[in-house]
Amino acid sequence: MDNPGYEQVLCGPPHLVRLAELIYQMLVSKYSLEEIMALVAKHRNKMMFIVTSRSNPGKVSLVIDMEGKYRYSSGGLLFIPVPKKFAVLEPDKHYFEQTLKANILLAVLGVDEKELHR
């Protein structure tokens, strides 16, 4: 893991932590954090989701929900909300990265939607 503090901040069953880290790494290999933050800011009134699946976590996409038809999902198909606070309200790349990683792991762990960062 690139960020040495990641394991201390986010914990869970090792196989799920590895899955969350893989999803995050695949996401940032396609889009830089700056690009994701800019997309969130540009579409501040829309929800943005990371879309992937537990069976194929190497295939990751970002979806901007223009019509309000997508919802959080932590099942086989993952629809993970991208947090807005540190991209729009209080822009901070470090905190954005941490809340993004947290949302990915929380979704992989299957938590209730109300537990996610917004």
PDB file of N, CA and C in Angstrom:
ATOM      1  N   MET A   1       0.841  -1.184   0.000  1.00  0.00           N
ATOM      2  CA  MET A   1       0.000   0.000   0.000  1.00  0.00           C
ATOM      3  C   MET A   1       0.879   1.237   0.000  1.00  0.00           C
ATOM      4  N   ASP A   2       0.530   2.194  -0.817  1.00  0.00           N
ATOM      5  CA  ASP A   2       1.341   3.389  -0.964  1.00  0.00           C
ATOM      6  C   ASP A   2       1.299   4.299   0.249  1.00  0.00           C
ATOM      7  N   ASN A   3       0.168   4.406   0.896  1.00  0.00           N
ATOM      8  CA  ASN A   3       0.007   5.302   2.027  1.00  0.00           C
ATOM      9  C   ASN A   3       0.194   4.507   3.311  1.00  0.00           C
ATOM     10  N   PRO A   4       1.289   4.731   4.059  1.00  0.00           N
ATOM     11  CA  PRO A   4       1.575   3.898   5.218  1.00  0.00           C
ATOM     12  C   PRO A   4       0.530   3.999   6.321  1.00  0.00           C
ATOM     13  N   GLY A   5      -0.245   5.066   6.388  1.00  0.00           N
ATOM     14  CA  GLY A   5      -1.252   5.209   7.420  1.00  0.00           C
ATOM     15  C   GLY A   5      -2.576   4.558   7.076  1.00  0.00           C
ATOM     16  N   TYR A   6      -2.697   4.034   5.874  1.00  0.00           N
ATOM     17  CA  TYR A   6      -3.972   3.495   5.400  1.00  0.00           C
ATOM     18  C   TYR A   6      -4.475   2.362   6.281  1.00  0.00           C
ATOM     19  N   GLU A   7      -3.589   1.438   6.663  1.00  0.00           N
ATOM     20  CA  GLU A   7      -4.025   0.294   7.454  1.00  0.00           C
ATOM     21  C   GLU A   7      -4.513   0.712   8.830  1.00  0.00           C
ATOM     22  N   GLN A   8      -3.919   1.749   9.414  1.00  0.00           N
ATOM     23  CA  GLN A   8      -4.341   2.188  10.730  1.00  0.00           C
ATOM     24  C   GLN A   8      -5.679   2.921  10.670  1.00  0.00           C
ATOM     25  N   VAL A   9      -5.946   3.609   9.591  1.00  0.00           N
ATOM     26  CA  VAL A   9      -7.169   4.388   9.468  1.00  0.00           C
ATOM     27  C   VAL A   9      -8.337   3.487   9.079  1.00  0.00           C
ATOM     28  N   LEU A  10      -8.125   2.613   8.129  1.00  0.00           N
ATOM     29  CA  LEU A  10      -9.171   1.734   7.635  1.00  0.00           C
ATOM     30  C   LEU A  10      -8.798   0.295   7.943  1.00  0.00           C
ATOM     31  N   CYS A  11      -9.679  -0.381   8.653  1.00  0.00           N
ATOM     32  CA  CYS A  11      -9.368  -1.764   8.973  1.00  0.00           C
ATOM     33  C   CYS A  11     -10.605  -2.625   8.761  1.00  0.00           C
ATOM     34  N   GLY A  12     -10.362  -3.871   8.603  1.00  0.00           N
ATOM     35  CA  GLY A  12     -11.424  -4.833   8.373  1.00  0.00           C
ATOM     36  C   GLY A  12     -10.778  -6.158   8.034  1.00  0.00           C
ATOM     37  N   PRO A  13     -11.557  -7.129   7.622  1.00  0.00           N
ATOM     38  CA  PRO A  13     -10.976  -8.402   7.204  1.00  0.00           C
ATOM     39  C   PRO A  13      -9.947  -8.156   6.096  1.00  0.00           C
ATOM     40  N   PRO A  14      -8.770  -8.764   6.209  1.00  0.00           N
ATOM     41  CA  PRO A  14      -7.686  -8.484   5.253  1.00  0.00           C
ATOM     42  C   PRO A  14      -8.088  -8.623   3.784  1.00  0.00           C
ATOM     43  N   HIS A  15      -8.897  -9.623   3.440  1.00  0.00           N
ATOM     44  CA  HIS A  15      -9.277  -9.788   2.029  1.00  0.00           C
ATOM     45  C   HIS A  15     -10.159  -8.635   1.548  1.00  0.00           C
ATOM     46  N   LEU A  16     -10.949  -8.052   2.431  1.00  0.00           N
ATOM     47  CA  LEU A  16     -11.787  -6.914   2.038  1.00  0.00           C
ATOM     48  C   LEU A  16     -10.983  -5.624   1.970  1.00  0.00           C
ATOM     49  N   VAL A  17     -10.005  -5.481   2.863  1.00  0.00           N
ATOM     50  CA  VAL A  17      -9.111  -4.318   2.789  1.00  0.00           C
ATOM     51  C   VAL A  17      -8.331  -4.369   1.474  1.00  0.00           C
ATOM     52  N   ARG A  18      -7.856  -5.564   1.094  1.00  0.00           N
ATOM     53  CA  ARG A  18      -7.136  -5.713  -0.182  1.00  0.00           C
ATOM     54  C   ARG A  18      -8.045  -5.402  -1.371  1.00  0.00           C
ATOM     55  N   LEU A  19      -9.293  -5.844  -1.315  1.00  0.00           N
ATOM     56  CA  LEU A  19     -10.248  -5.553  -2.389  1.00  0.00           C
ATOM     57  C   LEU A  19     -10.472  -4.044  -2.503  1.00  0.00           C
ATOM     58  N   ALA A  20     -10.659  -3.377  -1.369  1.00  0.00           N
ATOM     59  CA  ALA A  20     -10.861  -1.921  -1.374  1.00  0.00           C
ATOM     60  C   ALA A  20      -9.637  -1.210  -1.935  1.00  0.00           C
ATOM     61  N   GLU A  21      -8.461  -1.650  -1.549  1.00  0.00           N
ATOM     62  CA  GLU A  21      -7.233  -1.030  -2.048  1.00  0.00           C
ATOM     63  C   GLU A  21      -7.093  -1.245  -3.557  1.00  0.00           C
ATOM     64  N   LEU A  22      -7.434  -2.427  -4.047  1.00  0.00           N
ATOM     65  CA  LEU A  22      -7.377  -2.696  -5.487  1.00  0.00           C
ATOM     66  C   LEU A  22      -8.334  -1.771  -6.244  1.00  0.00           C
ATOM     67  N   ILE A  23      -9.543  -1.621  -5.736  1.00  0.00           N
ATOM     68  CA  ILE A  23     -10.515  -0.728  -6.380  1.00  0.00           C
ATOM     69  C   ILE A  23      -9.967   0.690  -6.410  1.00  0.00           C
ATOM     70  N   TYR A  24      -9.415   1.146  -5.287  1.00  0.00           N
ATOM     71  CA  TYR A  24      -8.854   2.501  -5.231  1.00  0.00           C
ATOM     72  C   TYR A  24      -7.700   2.651  -6.232  1.00  0.00           C
ATOM     73  N   GLN A  25      -6.791   1.694  -6.258  1.00  0.00           N
ATOM     74  CA  GLN A  25      -5.641   1.772  -7.165  1.00  0.00           C
ATOM     75  C   GLN A  25      -6.084   1.775  -8.628  1.00  0.00           C
ATOM     76  N   MET A  26      -7.068   0.966  -8.965  1.00  0.00           N
ATOM     77  CA  MET A  26      -7.573   0.947 -10.344  1.00  0.00           C
ATOM     78  C   MET A  26      -8.234   2.283 -10.690  1.00  0.00           C
ATOM     79  N   LEU A  27      -8.950   2.853  -9.726  1.00  0.00           N
ATOM     80  CA  LEU A  27      -9.601   4.147  -9.952  1.00  0.00           C
ATOM     81  C   LEU A  27      -8.576   5.236 -10.238  1.00  0.00           C
ATOM     82  N   VAL A  28      -7.547   5.337  -9.381  1.00  0.00           N
ATOM     83  CA  VAL A  28      -6.565   6.414  -9.561  1.00  0.00           C
ATOM     84  C   VAL A  28      -5.583   6.120 -10.693  1.00  0.00           C
ATOM     85  N   SER A  29      -5.598   4.900 -11.222  1.00  0.00           N
ATOM     86  CA  SER A  29      -4.797   4.645 -12.424  1.00  0.00           C
ATOM     87  C   SER A  29      -5.527   5.175 -13.667  1.00  0.00           C
ATOM     88  N   LYS A  30      -6.848   5.318 -13.572  1.00  0.00           N
ATOM     89  CA  LYS A  30      -7.644   5.863 -14.682  1.00  0.00           C
ATOM     90  C   LYS A  30      -7.853   7.369 -14.560  1.00  0.00           C
ATOM     91  N   TYR A  31      -8.039   7.844 -13.330  1.00  0.00           N
ATOM     92  CA  TYR A  31      -8.328   9.261 -13.067  1.00  0.00           C
ATOM     93  C   TYR A  31      -7.451   9.729 -11.913  1.00  0.00           C
ATOM     94  N   SER A  32      -6.808  10.870 -12.060  1.00  0.00           N
ATOM     95  CA  SER A  32      -6.038  11.410 -10.935  1.00  0.00           C
ATOM     96  C   SER A  32      -7.011  11.949  -9.890  1.00  0.00           C
ATOM     97  N   LEU A  33      -6.522  12.100  -8.665  1.00  0.00           N
ATOM     98  CA  LEU A  33      -7.366  12.690  -7.622  1.00  0.00           C
ATOM     99  C   LEU A  33      -7.838  14.080  -8.027  1.00  0.00           C
ATOM    100  N   GLU A  34      -6.951  14.835  -8.663  1.00  0.00           N
ATOM    101  CA  GLU A  34      -7.306  16.185  -9.103  1.00  0.00           C
ATOM    102  C   GLU A  34      -8.445  16.149 -10.125  1.00  0.00           C
ATOM    103  N   GLU A  35      -8.382  15.176 -11.047  1.00  0.00           N
ATOM    104  CA  GLU A  35      -9.449  15.041 -12.046  1.00  0.00           C
ATOM    105  C   GLU A  35     -10.781  14.683 -11.387  1.00  0.00           C
ATOM    106  N   ILE A  36     -10.727  13.771 -10.427  1.00  0.00           N
ATOM    107  CA  ILE A  36     -11.957  13.373  -9.734  1.00  0.00           C
ATOM    108  C   ILE A  36     -12.525  14.557  -8.961  1.00  0.00           C
ATOM    109  N   MET A  37     -11.655  15.278  -8.248  1.00  0.00           N
ATOM    110  CA  MET A  37     -12.109  16.450  -7.496  1.00  0.00           C
ATOM    111  C   MET A  37     -12.730  17.492  -8.429  1.00  0.00           C
ATOM    112  N   ALA A  38     -12.121  17.706  -9.584  1.00  0.00           N
ATOM    113  CA  ALA A  38     -12.646  18.681 -10.547  1.00  0.00           C
ATOM    114  C   ALA A  38     -14.012  18.239 -11.081  1.00  0.00           C
ATOM    115  N   LEU A  39     -14.169  16.944 -11.348  1.00  0.00           N
ATOM    116  CA  LEU A  39     -15.465  16.433 -11.808  1.00  0.00           C
ATOM    117  C   LEU A  39     -16.540  16.607 -10.740  1.00  0.00           C
ATOM    118  N   VAL A  40     -16.176  16.318  -9.487  1.00  0.00           N
ATOM    119  CA  VAL A  40     -17.130  16.486  -8.385  1.00  0.00           C
ATOM    120  C   VAL A  40     -17.540  17.950  -8.276  1.00  0.00           C
ATOM    121  N   ALA A  41     -16.558  18.854  -8.347  1.00  0.00           N
ATOM    122  CA  ALA A  41     -16.853  20.288  -8.247  1.00  0.00           C
ATOM    123  C   ALA A  41     -17.717  20.755  -9.421  1.00  0.00           C
ATOM    124  N   LYS A  42     -17.407  20.281 -10.607  1.00  0.00           N
ATOM    125  CA  LYS A  42     -18.158  20.681 -11.806  1.00  0.00           C
ATOM    126  C   LYS A  42     -19.609  20.207 -11.741  1.00  0.00           C
ATOM    127  N   HIS A  43     -19.810  19.024 -11.174  1.00  0.00           N
ATOM    128  CA  HIS A  43     -21.149  18.428 -11.095  1.00  0.00           C
ATOM    129  C   HIS A  43     -21.617  18.382  -9.643  1.00  0.00           C
ATOM    130  N   ARG A  44     -21.387  19.459  -8.924  1.00  0.00           N
ATOM    131  CA  ARG A  44     -21.652  19.504  -7.475  1.00  0.00           C
ATOM    132  C   ARG A  44     -23.094  19.185  -7.109  1.00  0.00           C
ATOM    133  N   ASN A  45     -24.033  19.398  -8.004  1.00  0.00           N
ATOM    134  CA  ASN A  45     -25.443  19.132  -7.702  1.00  0.00           C
ATOM    135  C   ASN A  45     -25.890  17.737  -8.125  1.00  0.00           C
ATOM    136  N   LYS A  46     -24.960  16.938  -8.596  1.00  0.00           N
ATOM    137  CA  LYS A  46     -25.260  15.570  -9.025  1.00  0.00           C
ATOM    138  C   LYS A  46     -24.455  14.595  -8.172  1.00  0.00           C
ATOM    139  N   MET A  47     -24.970  13.393  -8.036  1.00  0.00           N
ATOM    140  CA  MET A  47     -24.209  12.348  -7.352  1.00  0.00           C
ATOM    141  C   MET A  47     -23.231  11.728  -8.346  1.00  0.00           C
ATOM    142  N   MET A  48     -22.055  11.399  -7.844  1.00  0.00           N
ATOM    143  CA  MET A  48     -21.065  10.696  -8.651  1.00  0.00           C
ATOM    144  C   MET A  48     -20.762   9.375  -7.939  1.00  0.00           C
ATOM    145  N   PHE A  49     -20.675   8.315  -8.716  1.00  0.00           N
ATOM    146  CA  PHE A  49     -20.435   6.993  -8.155  1.00  0.00           C
ATOM    147  C   PHE A  49     -19.215   6.338  -8.786  1.00  0.00           C
ATOM    148  N   ILE A  50     -18.506   5.585  -7.965  1.00  0.00           N
ATOM    149  CA  ILE A  50     -17.500   4.643  -8.445  1.00  0.00           C
ATOM    150  C   ILE A  50     -18.289   3.366  -8.711  1.00  0.00           C
ATOM    151  N   VAL A  51     -18.160   2.821  -9.906  1.00  0.00           N
ATOM    152  CA  VAL A  51     -18.902   1.616 -10.265  1.00  0.00           C
ATOM    153  C   VAL A  51     -17.903   0.515 -10.587  1.00  0.00           C
ATOM    154  N   THR A  52     -18.067  -0.611  -9.910  1.00  0.00           N
ATOM    155  CA  THR A  52     -17.229  -1.787 -10.135  1.00  0.00           C
ATOM    156  C   THR A  52     -17.995  -2.993  -9.603  1.00  0.00           C
ATOM    157  N   SER A  53     -17.372  -4.145  -9.655  1.00  0.00           N
ATOM    158  CA  SER A  53     -18.015  -5.334  -9.091  1.00  0.00           C
ATOM    159  C   SER A  53     -17.008  -6.086  -8.239  1.00  0.00           C
ATOM    160  N   ARG A  54     -17.536  -6.834  -7.307  1.00  0.00           N
ATOM    161  CA  ARG A  54     -16.665  -7.652  -6.453  1.00  0.00           C
ATOM    162  C   ARG A  54     -15.954  -8.720  -7.283  1.00  0.00           C
ATOM    163  N   SER A  55     -16.614  -9.212  -8.323  1.00  0.00           N
ATOM    164  CA  SER A  55     -16.025 -10.280  -9.133  1.00  0.00           C
ATOM    165  C   SER A  55     -15.003  -9.769 -10.141  1.00  0.00           C
ATOM    166  N   ASN A  56     -15.059  -8.478 -10.489  1.00  0.00           N
ATOM    167  CA  ASN A  56     -14.109  -7.907 -11.444  1.00  0.00           C
ATOM    168  C   ASN A  56     -13.708  -6.499 -10.994  1.00  0.00           C
ATOM    169  N   PRO A  57     -13.008  -6.400  -9.853  1.00  0.00           N
ATOM    170  CA  PRO A  57     -12.671  -5.080  -9.309  1.00  0.00           C
ATOM    171  C   PRO A  57     -11.649  -4.317 -10.141  1.00  0.00           C
ATOM    172  N   GLY A  58     -11.046  -4.969 -11.111  1.00  0.00           N
ATOM    173  CA  GLY A  58     -10.099  -4.287 -11.984  1.00  0.00           C
ATOM    174  C   GLY A  58     -10.773  -3.390 -13.005  1.00  0.00           C
ATOM    175  N   LYS A  59     -12.061  -3.577 -13.187  1.00  0.00           N
ATOM    176  CA  LYS A  59     -12.833  -2.743 -14.115  1.00  0.00           C
ATOM    177  C   LYS A  59     -13.609  -1.718 -13.281  1.00  0.00           C
ATOM    178  N   VAL A  60     -13.114  -0.483 -13.290  1.00  0.00           N
ATOM    179  CA  VAL A  60     -13.671   0.586 -12.459  1.00  0.00           C
ATOM    180  C   VAL A  60     -14.046   1.763 -13.352  1.00  0.00           C
ATOM    181  N   SER A  61     -15.211   2.341 -13.084  1.00  0.00           N
ATOM    182  CA  SER A  61     -15.666   3.521 -13.825  1.00  0.00           C
ATOM    183  C   SER A  61     -16.206   4.561 -12.859  1.00  0.00           C
ATOM    184  N   LEU A  62     -16.246   5.795 -13.326  1.00  0.00           N
ATOM    185  CA  LEU A  62     -16.943   6.864 -12.615  1.00  0.00           C
ATOM    186  C   LEU A  62     -18.210   7.170 -13.394  1.00  0.00           C
ATOM    187  N   VAL A  63     -19.319   7.308 -12.683  1.00  0.00           N
ATOM    188  CA  VAL A  63     -20.596   7.623 -13.304  1.00  0.00           C
ATOM    189  C   VAL A  63     -21.162   8.861 -12.627  1.00  0.00           C
ATOM    190  N   ILE A  64     -21.534   9.846 -13.426  1.00  0.00           N
ATOM    191  CA  ILE A  64     -22.219  11.031 -12.920  1.00  0.00           C
ATOM    192  C   ILE A  64     -23.704  10.788 -13.144  1.00  0.00           C
ATOM    193  N   ASP A  65     -24.454  10.784 -12.058  1.00  0.00           N
ATOM    194  CA  ASP A  65     -25.878  10.472 -12.113  1.00  0.00           C
ATOM    195  C   ASP A  65     -26.668  11.717 -12.503  1.00  0.00           C
ATOM    196  N   MET A  66     -26.831  11.935 -13.790  1.00  0.00           N
ATOM    197  CA  MET A  66     -27.495  13.134 -14.308  1.00  0.00           C
ATOM    198  C   MET A  66     -29.010  13.113 -14.084  1.00  0.00           C
ATOM    199  N   GLU A  67     -29.585  11.929 -13.935  1.00  0.00           N
ATOM    200  CA  GLU A  67     -31.043  11.814 -13.829  1.00  0.00           C
ATOM    201  C   GLU A  67     -31.518  11.304 -12.476  1.00  0.00           C
ATOM    202  N   GLY A  68     -30.611  11.096 -11.534  1.00  0.00           N
ATOM    203  CA  GLY A  68     -31.002  10.630 -10.211  1.00  0.00           C
ATOM    204  C   GLY A  68     -31.528   9.207 -10.176  1.00  0.00           C
ATOM    205  N   LYS A  69     -31.016   8.361 -11.068  1.00  0.00           N
ATOM    206  CA  LYS A  69     -31.539   6.991 -11.136  1.00  0.00           C
ATOM    207  C   LYS A  69     -30.644   5.955 -10.452  1.00  0.00           C
ATOM    208  N   TYR A  70     -29.458   6.344 -10.007  1.00  0.00           N
ATOM    209  CA  TYR A  70     -28.554   5.392  -9.364  1.00  0.00           C
ATOM    210  C   TYR A  70     -28.615   5.531  -7.849  1.00  0.00           C
ATOM    211  N   ARG A  71     -28.322   4.444  -7.155  1.00  0.00           N
ATOM    212  CA  ARG A  71     -28.311   4.416  -5.698  1.00  0.00           C
ATOM    213  C   ARG A  71     -27.087   3.631  -5.229  1.00  0.00           C
ATOM    214  N   TYR A  72     -26.700   3.895  -4.006  1.00  0.00           N
ATOM    215  CA  TYR A  72     -25.618   3.151  -3.362  1.00  0.00           C
ATOM    216  C   TYR A  72     -25.929   1.666  -3.395  1.00  0.00           C
ATOM    217  N   SER A  73     -24.926   0.878  -3.701  1.00  0.00           N
ATOM    218  CA  SER A  73     -25.065  -0.570  -3.677  1.00  0.00           C
ATOM    219  C   SER A  73     -23.766  -1.173  -3.175  1.00  0.00           C
ATOM    220  N   SER A  74     -23.893  -2.092  -2.215  1.00  0.00           N
ATOM    221  CA  SER A  74     -22.700  -2.748  -1.674  1.00  0.00           C
ATOM    222  C   SER A  74     -22.743  -4.255  -1.919  1.00  0.00           C
ATOM    223  N   GLY A  75     -23.580  -4.681  -2.854  1.00  0.00           N
ATOM    224  CA  GLY A  75     -23.690  -6.105  -3.170  1.00  0.00           C
ATOM    225  C   GLY A  75     -22.612  -6.537  -4.153  1.00  0.00           C
ATOM    226  N   GLY A  76     -22.966  -7.439  -5.048  1.00  0.00           N
ATOM    227  CA  GLY A  76     -22.018  -7.900  -6.060  1.00  0.00           C
ATOM    228  C   GLY A  76     -21.580  -6.779  -6.975  1.00  0.00           C
ATOM    229  N   LEU A  77     -22.534  -5.923  -7.350  1.00  0.00           N
ATOM    230  CA  LEU A  77     -22.237  -4.721  -8.119  1.00  0.00           C
ATOM    231  C   LEU A  77     -22.135  -3.571  -7.125  1.00  0.00           C
ATOM    232  N   LEU A  78     -21.017  -2.867  -7.155  1.00  0.00           N
ATOM    233  CA  LEU A  78     -20.772  -1.780  -6.208  1.00  0.00           C
ATOM    234  C   LEU A  78     -21.019  -0.431  -6.865  1.00  0.00           C
ATOM    235  N   PHE A  79     -21.903   0.356  -6.273  1.00  0.00           N
ATOM    236  CA  PHE A  79     -22.105   1.759  -6.627  1.00  0.00           C
ATOM    237  C   PHE A  79     -21.723   2.546  -5.389  1.00  0.00           C
ATOM    238  N   ILE A  80     -20.537   3.142  -5.412  1.00  0.00           N
ATOM    239  CA  ILE A  80     -19.962   3.799  -4.242  1.00  0.00           C
ATOM    240  C   ILE A  80     -19.996   5.306  -4.443  1.00  0.00           C
ATOM    241  N   PRO A  81     -20.723   6.045  -3.588  1.00  0.00           N
ATOM    242  CA  PRO A  81     -20.766   7.501  -3.737  1.00  0.00           C
ATOM    243  C   PRO A  81     -19.386   8.130  -3.542  1.00  0.00           C
ATOM    244  N   VAL A  82     -19.050   9.061  -4.416  1.00  0.00           N
ATOM    245  CA  VAL A  82     -17.816   9.832  -4.278  1.00  0.00           C
ATOM    246  C   VAL A  82     -18.140  10.996  -3.345  1.00  0.00           C
ATOM    247  N   PRO A  83     -17.384  11.151  -2.247  1.00  0.00           N
ATOM    248  CA  PRO A  83     -17.685  12.230  -1.295  1.00  0.00           C
ATOM    249  C   PRO A  83     -17.424  13.606  -1.900  1.00  0.00           C
ATOM    250  N   LYS A  84     -18.236  14.577  -1.488  1.00  0.00           N
ATOM    251  CA  LYS A  84     -18.144  15.925  -2.045  1.00  0.00           C
ATOM    252  C   LYS A  84     -17.471  16.930  -1.122  1.00  0.00           C
ATOM    253  N   LYS A  85     -17.562  16.721   0.180  1.00  0.00           N
ATOM    254  CA  LYS A  85     -17.155  17.755   1.135  1.00  0.00           C
ATOM    255  C   LYS A  85     -15.777  18.330   0.844  1.00  0.00           C
ATOM    256  N   PHE A  86     -14.785  17.481   0.688  1.00  0.00           N
ATOM    257  CA  PHE A  86     -13.412  17.967   0.525  1.00  0.00           C
ATOM    258  C   PHE A  86     -13.035  18.216  -0.936  1.00  0.00           C
ATOM    259  N   ALA A  87     -14.011  18.115  -1.826  1.00  0.00           N
ATOM    260  CA  ALA A  87     -13.797  18.502  -3.224  1.00  0.00           C
ATOM    261  C   ALA A  87     -14.510  19.810  -3.533  1.00  0.00           C
ATOM    262  N   VAL A  88     -15.612  20.076  -2.816  1.00  0.00           N
ATOM    263  CA  VAL A  88     -16.440  21.242  -3.124  1.00  0.00           C
ATOM    264  C   VAL A  88     -16.470  22.237  -1.967  1.00  0.00           C
ATOM    265  N   LEU A  89     -16.933  21.799  -0.805  1.00  0.00           N
ATOM    266  CA  LEU A  89     -17.145  22.716   0.319  1.00  0.00           C
ATOM    267  C   LEU A  89     -15.848  23.194   0.956  1.00  0.00           C
ATOM    268  N   GLU A  90     -14.933  22.282   1.186  1.00  0.00           N
ATOM    269  CA  GLU A  90     -13.639  22.598   1.799  1.00  0.00           C
ATOM    270  C   GLU A  90     -12.553  21.864   1.010  1.00  0.00           C
ATOM    271  N   PRO A  91     -12.196  22.337  -0.177  1.00  0.00           N
ATOM    272  CA  PRO A  91     -11.254  21.586  -1.018  1.00  0.00           C
ATOM    273  C   PRO A  91      -9.931  21.268  -0.307  1.00  0.00           C
ATOM    274  N   ASP A  92      -9.627  19.989  -0.228  1.00  0.00           N
ATOM    275  CA  ASP A  92      -8.400  19.519   0.406  1.00  0.00           C
ATOM    276  C   ASP A  92      -8.104  18.130  -0.158  1.00  0.00           C
ATOM    277  N   LYS A  93      -7.045  18.024  -0.926  1.00  0.00           N
ATOM    278  CA  LYS A  93      -6.724  16.773  -1.621  1.00  0.00           C
ATOM    279  C   LYS A  93      -6.500  15.615  -0.649  1.00  0.00           C
ATOM    280  N   HIS A  94      -5.769  15.860   0.444  1.00  0.00           N
ATOM    281  CA  HIS A  94      -5.482  14.782   1.401  1.00  0.00           C
ATOM    282  C   HIS A  94      -6.770  14.244   2.031  1.00  0.00           C
ATOM    283  N   TYR A  95      -7.617  15.136   2.518  1.00  0.00           N
ATOM    284  CA  TYR A  95      -8.860  14.690   3.146  1.00  0.00           C
ATOM    285  C   TYR A  95      -9.803  14.063   2.120  1.00  0.00           C
ATOM    286  N   PHE A  96      -9.802  14.586   0.903  1.00  0.00           N
ATOM    287  CA  PHE A  96     -10.614  13.979  -0.148  1.00  0.00           C
ATOM    288  C   PHE A  96     -10.157  12.540  -0.382  1.00  0.00           C
ATOM    289  N   GLU A  97      -8.854  12.337  -0.485  1.00  0.00           N
ATOM    290  CA  GLU A  97      -8.314  10.990  -0.700  1.00  0.00           C
ATOM    291  C   GLU A  97      -8.724  10.049   0.432  1.00  0.00           C
ATOM    292  N   GLN A  98      -8.615  10.515   1.676  1.00  0.00           N
ATOM    293  CA  GLN A  98      -8.944   9.665   2.817  1.00  0.00           C
ATOM    294  C   GLN A  98     -10.431   9.310   2.854  1.00  0.00           C
ATOM    295  N   THR A  99     -11.305  10.290   2.575  1.00  0.00           N
ATOM    296  CA  THR A  99     -12.741   9.986   2.598  1.00  0.00           C
ATOM    297  C   THR A  99     -13.141   9.117   1.402  1.00  0.00           C
ATOM    298  N   LEU A 100     -12.468   9.286   0.283  1.00  0.00           N
ATOM    299  CA  LEU A 100     -12.711   8.427  -0.878  1.00  0.00           C
ATOM    300  C   LEU A 100     -12.324   6.983  -0.553  1.00  0.00           C
ATOM    301  N   LYS A 101     -11.137   6.790   0.013  1.00  0.00           N
ATOM    302  CA  LYS A 101     -10.704   5.449   0.416  1.00  0.00           C
ATOM    303  C   LYS A 101     -11.655   4.855   1.445  1.00  0.00           C
ATOM    304  N   ALA A 102     -12.082   5.686   2.394  1.00  0.00           N
ATOM    305  CA  ALA A 102     -12.997   5.206   3.432  1.00  0.00           C
ATOM    306  C   ALA A 102     -14.312   4.740   2.814  1.00  0.00           C
ATOM    307  N   ASN A 103     -14.878   5.521   1.898  1.00  0.00           N
ATOM    308  CA  ASN A 103     -16.138   5.120   1.266  1.00  0.00           C
ATOM    309  C   ASN A 103     -15.996   3.813   0.505  1.00  0.00           C
ATOM    310  N   ILE A 104     -14.868   3.635  -0.157  1.00  0.00           N
ATOM    311  CA  ILE A 104     -14.652   2.384  -0.895  1.00  0.00           C
ATOM    312  C   ILE A 104     -14.637   1.210   0.072  1.00  0.00           C
ATOM    313  N   LEU A 105     -13.864   1.324   1.156  1.00  0.00           N
ATOM    314  CA  LEU A 105     -13.804   0.220   2.115  1.00  0.00           C
ATOM    315  C   LEU A 105     -15.155   0.011   2.790  1.00  0.00           C
ATOM    316  N   LEU A 106     -15.818   1.076   3.177  1.00  0.00           N
ATOM    317  CA  LEU A 106     -17.119   0.932   3.836  1.00  0.00           C
ATOM    318  C   LEU A 106     -18.119   0.223   2.924  1.00  0.00           C
ATOM    319  N   ALA A 107     -18.101   0.544   1.645  1.00  0.00           N
ATOM    320  CA  ALA A 107     -18.995  -0.136   0.699  1.00  0.00           C
ATOM    321  C   ALA A 107     -18.622  -1.608   0.565  1.00  0.00           C
ATOM    322  N   VAL A 108     -17.331  -1.888   0.486  1.00  0.00           N
ATOM    323  CA  VAL A 108     -16.869  -3.279   0.393  1.00  0.00           C
ATOM    324  C   VAL A 108     -17.281  -4.057   1.649  1.00  0.00           C
ATOM    325  N   LEU A 109     -17.253  -3.381   2.802  1.00  0.00           N
ATOM    326  CA  LEU A 109     -17.675  -4.012   4.055  1.00  0.00           C
ATOM    327  C   LEU A 109     -19.192  -4.165   4.138  1.00  0.00           C
ATOM    328  N   GLY A 110     -19.922  -3.458   3.267  1.00  0.00           N
ATOM    329  CA  GLY A 110     -21.372  -3.588   3.221  1.00  0.00           C
ATOM    330  C   GLY A 110     -22.124  -2.756   4.246  1.00  0.00           C
ATOM    331  N   VAL A 111     -21.546  -1.636   4.663  1.00  0.00           N
ATOM    332  CA  VAL A 111     -22.212  -0.803   5.669  1.00  0.00           C
ATOM    333  C   VAL A 111     -23.461  -0.139   5.100  1.00  0.00           C
ATOM    334  N   ASP A 112     -24.287   0.360   5.992  1.00  0.00           N
ATOM    335  CA  ASP A 112     -25.479   1.111   5.615  1.00  0.00           C
ATOM    336  C   ASP A 112     -25.067   2.429   4.967  1.00  0.00           C
ATOM    337  N   GLU A 113     -25.858   2.904   4.042  1.00  0.00           N
ATOM    338  CA  GLU A 113     -25.527   4.122   3.294  1.00  0.00           C
ATOM    339  C   GLU A 113     -25.296   5.326   4.201  1.00  0.00           C
ATOM    340  N   LYS A 114     -26.004   5.402   5.313  1.00  0.00           N
ATOM    341  CA  LYS A 114     -25.874   6.559   6.205  1.00  0.00           C
ATOM    342  C   LYS A 114     -24.492   6.651   6.856  1.00  0.00           C
ATOM    343  N   GLU A 115     -23.708   5.577   6.798  1.00  0.00           N
ATOM    344  CA  GLU A 115     -22.364   5.562   7.377  1.00  0.00           C
ATOM    345  C   GLU A 115     -21.307   6.143   6.435  1.00  0.00           C
ATOM    346  N   LEU A 116     -21.657   6.368   5.183  1.00  0.00           N
ATOM    347  CA  LEU A 116     -20.695   6.846   4.189  1.00  0.00           C
ATOM    348  C   LEU A 116     -20.436   8.338   4.329  1.00  0.00           C
ATOM    349  N   HIS A 117     -19.277   8.763   3.859  1.00  0.00           N
ATOM    350  CA  HIS A 117     -18.933  10.185   3.812  1.00  0.00           C
ATOM    351  C   HIS A 117     -19.661  10.820   2.642  1.00  0.00           C
ATOM    352  N   ARG A 118     -20.106  12.044   2.838  1.00  0.00           N
ATOM    353  CA  ARG A 118     -20.830  12.759   1.779  1.00  0.00           C
ATOM    354  C   ARG A 118     -20.035  13.908   1.255  1.00  0.00           C
TER     355      ARG A 118
END
